[in-house]
C-alpha atoms as a PDB file:
ATOM      1  CA  MET A   1     104.486  36.187 -56.536  1.00  0.00           C
ATOM      2  CA  PRO A   2     101.333  35.098 -54.967  1.00  0.00           C
ATOM      3  CA  PRO A   3      98.434  33.769 -56.742  1.00  0.00           C
ATOM      4  CA  PRO A   4      95.679  36.076 -56.844  1.00  0.00           C
ATOM      5  CA  ARG A   5      93.290  36.362 -54.237  1.00  0.00           C
ATOM      6  CA  GLU A   6      89.129  34.854 -55.204  1.00  0.00           C
ATOM      7  CA  THR A   7      86.735  37.172 -54.089  1.00  0.00           C
ATOM      8  CA  SER A   8      83.495  36.101 -52.762  1.00  0.00           C
ATOM      9  CA  PRO A   9      80.342  38.104 -54.525  1.00  0.00           C
ATOM     10  CA  GLY A  10      78.780  40.804 -53.611  1.00  0.00           C
ATOM     11  CA  LEU A  11      75.279  41.474 -52.423  1.00  0.00           C
ATOM     12  CA  ARG A  12      74.279  42.796 -55.297  1.00  0.00           C
ATOM     13  CA  GLU A  13      75.610  40.411 -57.416  1.00  0.00           C
ATOM     14  CA  VAL A  14      73.693  37.409 -55.301  1.00  0.00           C
ATOM     15  CA  GLN A  15      70.676  39.444 -55.190  1.00  0.00           C
ATOM     16  CA  ALA A  16      70.653  39.713 -58.888  1.00  0.00           C
ATOM     17  CA  ALA A  17      71.290  36.386 -59.353  1.00  0.00           C
ATOM     18  CA  PHE A  18      68.691  35.273 -56.758  1.00  0.00           C
ATOM     19  CA  GLY A  19      66.106  37.295 -58.988  1.00  0.00           C
ATOM     20  CA  ARG A  20      66.909  35.952 -61.992  1.00  0.00           C
ATOM     21  CA  GLY A  21      66.527  32.080 -60.634  1.00  0.00           C
ATOM     22  CA  LEU A  22      63.257  32.878 -59.226  1.00  0.00           C
ATOM     23  CA  ARG A  23      61.940  34.004 -62.837  1.00  0.00           C
ATOM     24  CA  ASP A  24      63.720  31.208 -64.972  1.00  0.00           C
ATOM     25  CA  ASP A  25      62.799  27.235 -64.899  1.00  0.00           C
ATOM     26  CA  THR A  26      66.495  26.806 -64.077  1.00  0.00           C
ATOM     27  CA  ILE A  27      69.396  28.674 -62.914  1.00  0.00           C
ATOM     28  CA  ASP A  28      72.478  28.828 -65.512  1.00  0.00           C
ATOM     29  CA  GLY A  29      75.758  28.269 -64.580  1.00  0.00           C
ATOM     30  CA  ASP A  30      77.214  31.821 -63.735  1.00  0.00           C
ATOM     31  CA  ASP A  31      74.344  32.304 -61.296  1.00  0.00           C
ATOM     32  CA  MET A  32      75.198  28.717 -60.007  1.00  0.00           C
ATOM     33  CA  GLN A  33      78.650  30.247 -58.893  1.00  0.00           C
ATOM     34  CA  VAL A  34      77.750  32.868 -57.400  1.00  0.00           C
ATOM     35  CA  LEU A  35      74.516  31.490 -55.293  1.00  0.00           C
ATOM     36  CA  ALA A  36      75.854  28.078 -54.312  1.00  0.00           C
ATOM     37  CA  PRO A  37      79.466  27.383 -56.203  1.00  0.00           C
ATOM     38  CA  ASP A  38      79.872  24.318 -53.826  1.00  0.00           C
ATOM     39  CA  ALA A  39      76.351  22.611 -54.732  1.00  0.00           C
ATOM     40  CA  GLY A  40      75.247  20.238 -57.264  1.00  0.00           C
ATOM     41  CA  ALA A  41      73.555  22.077 -59.664  1.00  0.00           C
ATOM     42  CA  PRO A  42      70.520  19.418 -60.251  1.00  0.00           C
ATOM     43  CA  ALA A  43      70.296  19.147 -56.447  1.00  0.00           C
ATOM     44  CA  PHE A  44      70.197  22.946 -55.780  1.00  0.00           C
ATOM     45  CA  ASP A  45      68.109  24.090 -58.487  1.00  0.00           C
ATOM     46  CA  ALA A  46      65.513  21.317 -57.784  1.00  0.00           C
ATOM     47  CA  GLN A  47      65.633  22.900 -53.459  1.00  0.00           C
ATOM     48  CA  PHE A  48      65.289  26.306 -54.790  1.00  0.00           C
ATOM     49  CA  ASP A  49      62.443  25.349 -57.067  1.00  0.00           C
ATOM     50  CA  VAL A  50      60.266  25.950 -53.489  1.00  0.00           C
ATOM     51  CA  TYR A  51      61.323  29.682 -53.773  1.00  0.00           C
ATOM     52  CA  ARG A  52      60.963  29.660 -57.510  1.00  0.00           C
ATOM     53  CA  ASN A  53      56.977  28.228 -56.693  1.00  0.00           C
ATOM     54  CA  ASN A  54      56.388  30.470 -54.036  1.00  0.00           C
ATOM     55  CA  ALA A  55      57.395  33.372 -55.953  1.00  0.00           C
ATOM     56  CA  TRP A  56      55.178  32.975 -59.075  1.00  0.00           C
ATOM     57  CA  GLN A  57      52.226  32.080 -56.633  1.00  0.00           C
ATOM     58  CA  PHE A  58      52.111  35.063 -54.970  1.00  0.00           C
ATOM     59  CA  PHE A  59      52.930  36.862 -58.335  1.00  0.00           C
ATOM     60  CA  LEU A  60      49.960  35.411 -59.732  1.00  0.00           C
ATOM     61  CA  ALA A  61      48.129  35.978 -56.661  1.00  0.00           C
ATOM     62  CA  ALA A  62      48.222  39.714 -56.527  1.00  0.00           C
ATOM     63  CA  LEU A  63      47.246  39.912 -60.450  1.00  0.00           C
ATOM     64  CA  GLU A  64      44.504  37.741 -59.911  1.00  0.00           C
ATOM     65  CA  ARG A  65      43.334  40.226 -57.270  1.00  0.00           C
ATOM     66  CA  THR A  66      43.898  43.211 -59.217  1.00  0.00           C
ATOM     67  CA  PHE A  67      42.221  42.213 -62.606  1.00  0.00           C
ATOM     68  CA  PRO A  68      39.532  39.603 -61.169  1.00  0.00           C
ATOM     69  CA  VAL A  69      36.838  40.339 -63.854  1.00  0.00           C
ATOM     70  CA  LEU A  70      39.595  40.421 -66.593  1.00  0.00           C
ATOM     71  CA  GLN A  71      40.219  36.665 -65.540  1.00  0.00           C
ATOM     72  CA  LYS A  72      36.762  36.207 -65.500  1.00  0.00           C
ATOM     73  CA  ARG A  73      36.295  37.276 -68.929  1.00  0.00           C
ATOM     74  CA  VAL A  74      39.268  35.434 -70.503  1.00  0.00           C
ATOM     75  CA  GLY A  75      39.501  32.122 -67.863  1.00  0.00           C
ATOM     76  CA  GLN A  76      41.954  31.420 -65.331  1.00  0.00           C
ATOM     77  CA  GLU A  77      43.858  28.920 -68.064  1.00  0.00           C
ATOM     78  CA  PHE A  78      44.506  31.837 -70.255  1.00  0.00           C
ATOM     79  CA  PHE A  79      45.136  34.208 -67.428  1.00  0.00           C
ATOM     80  CA  ARG A  80      47.611  32.603 -66.211  1.00  0.00           C
ATOM     81  CA  ARG A  81      49.788  32.436 -69.347  1.00  0.00           C
ATOM     82  CA  LEU A  82      49.293  36.129 -69.963  1.00  0.00           C
ATOM     83  CA  ALA A  83      50.794  36.207 -66.409  1.00  0.00           C
ATOM     84  CA  ARG A  84      53.779  34.380 -66.674  1.00  0.00           C
ATOM     85  CA  GLU A  85      54.311  36.424 -69.966  1.00  0.00           C
ATOM     86  CA  TYR A  86      54.018  39.584 -67.881  1.00  0.00           C
ATOM     87  CA  ARG A  87      56.402  38.652 -65.249  1.00  0.00           C
ATOM     88  CA  ALA A  88      58.544  37.402 -68.184  1.00  0.00           C
ATOM     89  CA  GLN A  89      59.227  40.972 -69.181  1.00  0.00           C
ATOM     90  CA  HIS A  90      58.065  43.173 -66.062  1.00  0.00           C
ATOM     91  CA  PRO A  91      58.967  41.459 -63.112  1.00  0.00           C
ATOM     92  CA  SER A  92      58.160  42.552 -59.576  1.00  0.00           C
ATOM     93  CA  ARG A  93      60.628  45.705 -58.627  1.00  0.00           C
ATOM     94  CA  ARG A  94      59.065  46.726 -55.543  1.00  0.00           C
ATOM     95  CA  GLY A  95      58.519  44.780 -51.941  1.00  0.00           C
ATOM     96  CA  ASP A  96      55.129  45.722 -51.708  1.00  0.00           C
ATOM     97  CA  LEU A  97      53.149  43.482 -54.356  1.00  0.00           C
ATOM     98  CA  HIS A  98      49.908  45.776 -54.616  1.00  0.00           C
ATOM     99  CA  TRP A  99      51.750  47.541 -57.646  1.00  0.00           C
ATOM    100  CA  VAL A 100      53.119  44.499 -59.877  1.00  0.00           C
ATOM    101  CA  GLY A 101      49.873  45.205 -61.931  1.00  0.00           C
ATOM    102  CA  ALA A 102      50.919  48.734 -62.893  1.00  0.00           C
ATOM    103  CA  ALA A 103      52.050  47.776 -66.086  1.00  0.00           C
ATOM    104  CA  PHE A 104      49.934  45.139 -67.243  1.00  0.00           C
ATOM    105  CA  PRO A 105      47.006  47.272 -69.357  1.00  0.00           C
ATOM    106  CA  ALA A 106      49.774  48.832 -71.600  1.00  0.00           C
ATOM    107  CA  TRP A 107      51.489  45.393 -72.385  1.00  0.00           C
ATOM    108  CA  LEU A 108      48.575  44.110 -72.888  1.00  0.00           C
ATOM    109  CA  ALA A 109      47.236  46.345 -75.091  1.00  0.00           C
ATOM    110  CA  VAL A 110      50.621  45.211 -77.144  1.00  0.00           C
ATOM    111  CA  ARG A 111      50.152  41.725 -76.464  1.00  0.00           C
ATOM    112  CA  LEU A 112      46.117  41.376 -77.635  1.00  0.00           C
ATOM    113  CA  ALA A 113      46.479  44.252 -80.730  1.00  0.00           C
ATOM    114  CA  GLY A 114      45.148  42.510 -84.144  1.00  0.00           C
ATOM    115  CA  THR A 115      43.252  39.745 -82.224  1.00  0.00           C
ATOM    116  CA  GLY A 116      39.656  41.374 -81.735  1.00  0.00           C
ATOM    117  CA  TYR A 117      40.494  40.936 -77.793  1.00  0.00           C
ATOM    118  CA  GLN A 118      41.690  44.208 -77.799  1.00  0.00           C
ATOM    119  CA  TRP A 119      39.100  45.660 -75.556  1.00  0.00           C
ATOM    120  CA  LEU A 120      40.432  43.797 -73.064  1.00  0.00           C
ATOM    121  CA  ALA A 121      43.583  45.911 -72.486  1.00  0.00           C
ATOM    122  CA  ASP A 122      40.994  49.115 -71.360  1.00  0.00           C
ATOM    123  CA  LEU A 123      38.990  46.442 -69.555  1.00  0.00           C
ATOM    124  CA  ALA A 124      42.577  46.403 -67.775  1.00  0.00           C
ATOM    125  CA  ARG A 125      42.970  50.387 -67.219  1.00  0.00           C
ATOM    126  CA  LEU A 126      39.400  50.566 -65.319  1.00  0.00           C
ATOM    127  CA  GLU A 127      40.403  47.675 -62.627  1.00  0.00           C
ATOM    128  CA  TRP A 128      43.945  48.951 -62.206  1.00  0.00           C
ATOM    129  CA  ALA A 129      42.203  52.478 -61.945  1.00  0.00           C
ATOM    130  CA  CYS A 130      40.500  50.936 -59.173  1.00  0.00           C
ATOM    131  CA  GLU A 131      43.750  49.722 -57.651  1.00  0.00           C
ATOM    132  CA  GLU A 132      45.154  53.129 -57.699  1.00  0.00           C
ATOM    133  CA  ALA A 133      41.996  55.010 -56.018  1.00  0.00           C
ATOM    134  CA  VAL A 134      41.921  52.379 -53.107  1.00  0.00           C
ATOM    135  CA  ALA A 135      46.073  53.165 -52.430  1.00  0.00           C
ATOM    136  CA  ALA A 136      45.310  56.948 -52.882  1.00  0.00           C
ATOM    137  CA  ALA A 137      44.720  59.331 -50.034  1.00  0.00           C
ATOM    138  CA  GLN A 138      41.348  60.445 -48.515  1.00  0.00           C
ATOM    139  CA  SER A 139      40.119  63.382 -47.688  1.00  0.00           C
ATOM    140  CA  PRO A 140      37.161  65.269 -46.053  1.00  0.00           C
ATOM    141  CA  ALA A 141      34.953  66.128 -48.250  1.00  0.00           C
ATOM    142  CA  LEU A 142      32.618  69.572 -48.389  1.00  0.00           C
ATOM    143  CA  SER A 143      29.239  70.344 -49.166  1.00  0.00           C
ATOM    144  CA  ILE A 144      27.371  72.016 -52.250  1.00  0.00           C
ATOM    145  CA  GLY A 145      26.186  74.230 -49.649  1.00  0.00           C
ATOM    146  CA  GLN A 146      29.639  76.183 -49.651  1.00  0.00           C
ATOM    147  CA  LEU A 147      29.275  77.541 -52.824  1.00  0.00           C
ATOM    148  CA  GLY A 148      26.431  79.608 -51.300  1.00  0.00           C
ATOM    149  CA  GLY A 149      28.282  81.930 -50.042  1.00  0.00           C
ATOM    150  CA  VAL A 150      30.249  82.933 -53.566  1.00  0.00           C
ATOM    151  CA  ALA A 151      28.584  85.769 -55.686  1.00  0.00           C
ATOM    152  CA  PRO A 152      27.093  85.298 -58.805  1.00  0.00           C
ATOM    153  CA  GLU A 153      29.556  87.133 -60.781  1.00  0.00           C
ATOM    154  CA  ALA A 154      32.264  85.074 -59.341  1.00  0.00           C
ATOM    155  CA  LEU A 155      31.294  81.613 -59.937  1.00  0.00           C
ATOM    156  CA  ALA A 156      32.912  81.901 -63.453  1.00  0.00           C
ATOM    157  CA  ARG A 157      36.126  82.101 -61.988  1.00  0.00           C
ATOM    158  CA  ILE A 158      35.603  79.504 -59.095  1.00  0.00           C
ATOM    159  CA  SER A 159      37.620  75.677 -59.257  1.00  0.00           C
ATOM    160  CA  LEU A 160      37.441  72.724 -57.029  1.00  0.00           C
ATOM    161  CA  ARG A 161      39.647  69.895 -55.676  1.00  0.00           C
ATOM    162  CA  PHE A 162      38.417  66.457 -56.003  1.00  0.00           C
ATOM    163  CA  GLN A 163      39.355  63.502 -53.809  1.00  0.00           C
ATOM    164  CA  PRO A 164      43.111  62.239 -54.850  1.00  0.00           C
ATOM    165  CA  SER A 165      41.727  58.778 -55.995  1.00  0.00           C
ATOM    166  CA  LEU A 166      39.757  60.142 -58.147  1.00  0.00           C
ATOM    167  CA  LEU A 167      40.477  58.970 -62.042  1.00  0.00           C
ATOM    168  CA  THR A 168      39.308  58.832 -65.393  1.00  0.00           C
ATOM    169  CA  VAL A 169      38.933  56.320 -67.688  1.00  0.00           C
ATOM    170  CA  ASP A 170      37.558  56.120 -71.375  1.00  0.00           C
ATOM    171  CA  SER A 171      37.185  53.832 -73.924  1.00  0.00           C
ATOM    172  CA  PRO A 172      35.722  53.278 -77.411  1.00  0.00           C
ATOM    173  CA  TYR A 173      34.643  50.013 -75.767  1.00  0.00           C
ATOM    174  CA  PRO A 174      31.901  49.067 -73.255  1.00  0.00           C
ATOM    175  CA  VAL A 175      34.089  48.575 -70.351  1.00  0.00           C
ATOM    176  CA  TRP A 176      32.209  49.977 -67.588  1.00  0.00           C
ATOM    177  CA  THR A 177      28.863  47.554 -68.580  1.00  0.00           C
ATOM    178  CA  VAL A 178      31.495  44.804 -68.584  1.00  0.00           C
ATOM    179  CA  TRP A 179      33.114  45.419 -65.137  1.00  0.00           C
ATOM    180  CA  GLN A 180      29.748  46.214 -63.469  1.00  0.00           C
ATOM    181  CA  ALA A 181      28.074  43.121 -64.768  1.00  0.00           C
ATOM    182  CA  ASN A 182      30.859  40.987 -63.773  1.00  0.00           C
ATOM    183  CA  GLN A 183      30.767  41.612 -59.717  1.00  0.00           C
ATOM    184  CA  GLY A 184      30.298  39.258 -57.659  1.00  0.00           C
ATOM    185  CA  ASP A 185      31.266  35.674 -57.334  1.00  0.00           C
ATOM    186  CA  ASP A 186      28.173  34.387 -59.040  1.00  0.00           C
ATOM    187  CA  SER A 187      28.108  36.791 -61.727  1.00  0.00           C
ATOM    188  CA  ASP A 188      27.856  35.571 -65.635  1.00  0.00           C
ATOM    189  CA  SER A 189      27.635  38.237 -67.843  1.00  0.00           C
ATOM    190  CA  GLY A 190      28.080  36.094 -70.924  1.00  0.00           C
ATOM    191  CA  PRO A 191      29.245  37.464 -74.348  1.00  0.00           C
ATOM    192  CA  THR A 192      30.208  41.311 -74.591  1.00  0.00           C
ATOM    193  CA  ASP A 193      28.545  43.053 -77.086  1.00  0.00           C
ATOM    194  CA  LEU A 194      31.176  45.717 -78.340  1.00  0.00           C
ATOM    195  CA  ALA A 195      28.685  47.046 -80.428  1.00  0.00           C
ATOM    196  CA  GLN A 196      26.933  49.101 -77.507  1.00  0.00           C
ATOM    197  CA  GLY A 197      29.801  51.394 -78.375  1.00  0.00           C
ATOM    198  CA  GLY A 198      32.313  53.690 -76.024  1.00  0.00           C
ATOM    199  CA  GLU A 199      31.836  54.221 -72.269  1.00  0.00           C
ATOM    200  CA  HIS A 200      33.496  56.933 -70.341  1.00  0.00           C
ATOM    201  CA  CYS A 201      34.073  55.968 -66.466  1.00  0.00           C
ATOM    202  CA  VAL A 202      35.285  57.813 -63.679  1.00  0.00           C
ATOM    203  CA  VAL A 203      36.567  55.961 -60.433  1.00  0.00           C
ATOM    204  CA  ALA A 204      37.314  56.972 -56.654  1.00  0.00           C
ATOM    205  CA  CYS A 205      37.535  55.896 -53.445  1.00  0.00           C
ATOM    206  CA  ILE A 206      34.899  56.979 -50.680  1.00  0.00           C
ATOM    207  CA  ALA A 207      35.027  56.224 -47.087  1.00  0.00           C
ATOM    208  CA  ASP A 208      37.428  53.088 -47.802  1.00  0.00           C
ATOM    209  CA  ARG A 209      34.905  51.919 -50.424  1.00  0.00           C
ATOM    210  CA  VAL A 210      35.640  52.027 -54.274  1.00  0.00           C
ATOM    211  CA  SER A 211      33.440  53.346 -56.256  1.00  0.00           C
ATOM    212  CA  VAL A 212      32.839  53.081 -60.611  1.00  0.00           C
ATOM    213  CA  TYR A 213      30.399  55.446 -62.024  1.00  0.00           C
ATOM    214  CA  ARG A 214      29.637  55.869 -65.643  1.00  0.00           C
ATOM    215  CA  LEU A 215      28.992  59.322 -66.925  1.00  0.00           C
ATOM    216  CA  ASP A 216      27.855  61.008 -70.331  1.00  0.00           C
ATOM    217  CA  PRO A 217      30.325  62.371 -73.050  1.00  0.00           C
ATOM    218  CA  ALA A 218      29.562  65.954 -71.961  1.00  0.00           C
ATOM    219  CA  ASP A 219      30.033  65.349 -68.215  1.00  0.00           C
ATOM    220  CA  TYR A 220      33.128  63.644 -68.501  1.00  0.00           C
ATOM    221  CA  ARG A 221      34.704  65.844 -70.629  1.00  0.00           C
ATOM    222  CA  LEU A 222      33.454  68.996 -68.122  1.00  0.00           C
ATOM    223  CA  LEU A 223      34.657  66.422 -65.437  1.00  0.00           C
ATOM    224  CA  GLN A 224      38.050  65.990 -66.902  1.00  0.00           C
ATOM    225  CA  ARG A 225      38.158  70.067 -67.069  1.00  0.00           C
ATOM    226  CA  LEU A 226      37.527  70.694 -63.712  1.00  0.00           C
ATOM    227  CA  ASN A 227      40.103  67.833 -62.139  1.00  0.00           C
ATOM    228  CA  ALA A 228      42.545  69.843 -64.388  1.00  0.00           C
ATOM    229  CA  GLY A 229      41.817  72.566 -62.440  1.00  0.00           C
ATOM    230  CA  ASP A 230      40.225  74.940 -64.835  1.00  0.00           C
ATOM    231  CA  CYS A 231      37.927  77.338 -63.610  1.00  0.00           C
ATOM    232  CA  PHE A 232      34.579  77.113 -64.148  1.00  0.00           C
ATOM    233  CA  GLY A 233      34.123  79.716 -66.788  1.00  0.00           C
ATOM    234  CA  ASP A 234      37.352  78.323 -68.756  1.00  0.00           C
ATOM    235  CA  ALA A 235      36.006  74.657 -67.931  1.00  0.00           C
ATOM    236  CA  ILE A 236      32.804  75.066 -69.540  1.00  0.00           C
ATOM    237  CA  ALA A 237      34.314  76.842 -72.971  1.00  0.00           C
ATOM    238  CA  SER A 238      36.748  73.654 -73.006  1.00  0.00           C
ATOM    239  CA  ALA A 239      34.387  70.898 -72.781  1.00  0.00           C
ATOM    240  CA  THR A 240      31.652  72.781 -75.072  1.00  0.00           C
ATOM    241  CA  VAL A 241      29.153  72.511 -72.723  1.00  0.00           C
ATOM    242  CA  ASP A 242      26.426  75.122 -70.822  1.00  0.00           C
ATOM    243  CA  ALA A 243      25.847  75.952 -67.513  1.00  0.00           C
ATOM    244  CA  GLU A 244      23.060  73.462 -67.112  1.00  0.00           C
ATOM    245  CA  VAL A 245      25.845  70.634 -67.519  1.00  0.00           C
ATOM    246  CA  LEU A 246      28.067  72.086 -65.238  1.00  0.00           C
ATOM    247  CA  ALA A 247      24.821  72.472 -62.550  1.00  0.00           C
ATOM    248  CA  ARG A 248      23.890  68.538 -63.217  1.00  0.00           C
ATOM    249  CA  LEU A 249      28.182  67.774 -62.719  1.00  0.00           C
ATOM    250  CA  LEU A 250      28.061  70.025 -59.516  1.00  0.00           C
ATOM    251  CA  ALA A 251      25.011  68.348 -57.709  1.00  0.00           C
ATOM    252  CA  TRP A 252      26.141  64.811 -58.692  1.00  0.00           C
ATOM    253  CA  ALA A 253      30.155  65.649 -57.857  1.00  0.00           C
ATOM    254  CA  PHE A 254      28.957  67.000 -54.226  1.00  0.00           C
ATOM    255  CA  SER A 255      26.450  64.145 -53.551  1.00  0.00           C
ATOM    256  CA  GLU A 256      28.984  61.407 -54.354  1.00  0.00           C
ATOM    257  CA  ASP A 257      31.301  62.932 -51.723  1.00  0.00           C
ATOM    258  CA  LEU A 258      34.154  64.119 -54.720  1.00  0.00           C
ATOM    259  CA  VAL A 259      34.767  67.911 -53.729  1.00  0.00           C
ATOM    260  CA  VAL A 260      37.315  68.553 -51.220  1.00  0.00           C
ATOM    261  CA  GLY A 261      38.179  71.618 -52.179  1.00  0.00           C
ATOM    262  CA  ILE A 262      37.045  75.460 -53.139  1.00  0.00           C
ATOM    263  CA  SER A 263      39.428  78.126 -54.530  1.00  0.00           C
ATOM    264  CA  PRO A 264      39.122  80.718 -54.107  1.00  0.00           C
ATOM    265  CA  SER A 265      37.827  80.421 -50.727  1.00  0.00           C
ATOM    266  CA  ALA A 266      33.905  80.665 -50.474  1.00  0.00           C
ATOM    267  CA  PRO A 267      32.931  82.804 -47.072  1.00  0.00           C
ATOM    268  CA  GLY A 268      32.111  80.919 -44.036  1.00  0.00           C
END
């Protein structure tokens, strides 16, 4: 009876071993047999360090570009420690490194829970919203004059469609203030006064420029309902605001080119 024939590892097996090798400090024996069965382990591992270091540096650079304010607040050394811990649990699973930070805010909330620094997770949520806005589609904006053709009695049934990039982020901490104070390479906002209380933020990308707004709670609630598709009448009721708040919010939203659709369509 002939001896069993050895089979070479398949592509998926090689790719999995290669990925584990990029994330670990050393390649274990089983993966070594897959990647380089004829090579000496120490020599191959040393050569593999080039790939390992490059993968880490690309991952770190992507996080640094996505969360520059967070890095400024915690310092480069601690940010890199967080990045290593995060990468161990959430390695990149796409060819586009733009998305490596998607799970970072939620991970950070667990990592910093009970430390007194859990507010940094909300700051990370705001910065990630900026990244999502950049990647979203952009649509032509409408002017507020296009509401002029709507009969007053029909206004309550009107609903709006906003820029696809529009996102809302609220926090019990002053994250917009921190974000705003840390724009620019030379900025230095000093200690964060958490006693300032919570803030409600809106993020959108218009003409390839990301804007981050701070709204008061009433405007924010109303915008959330309108962005969810509520008509004016239902949105006012759900947000427990009055028509004056609606008028103010509409004036702002149209002036910032955030509105891209009106339904039912106003007469031309």
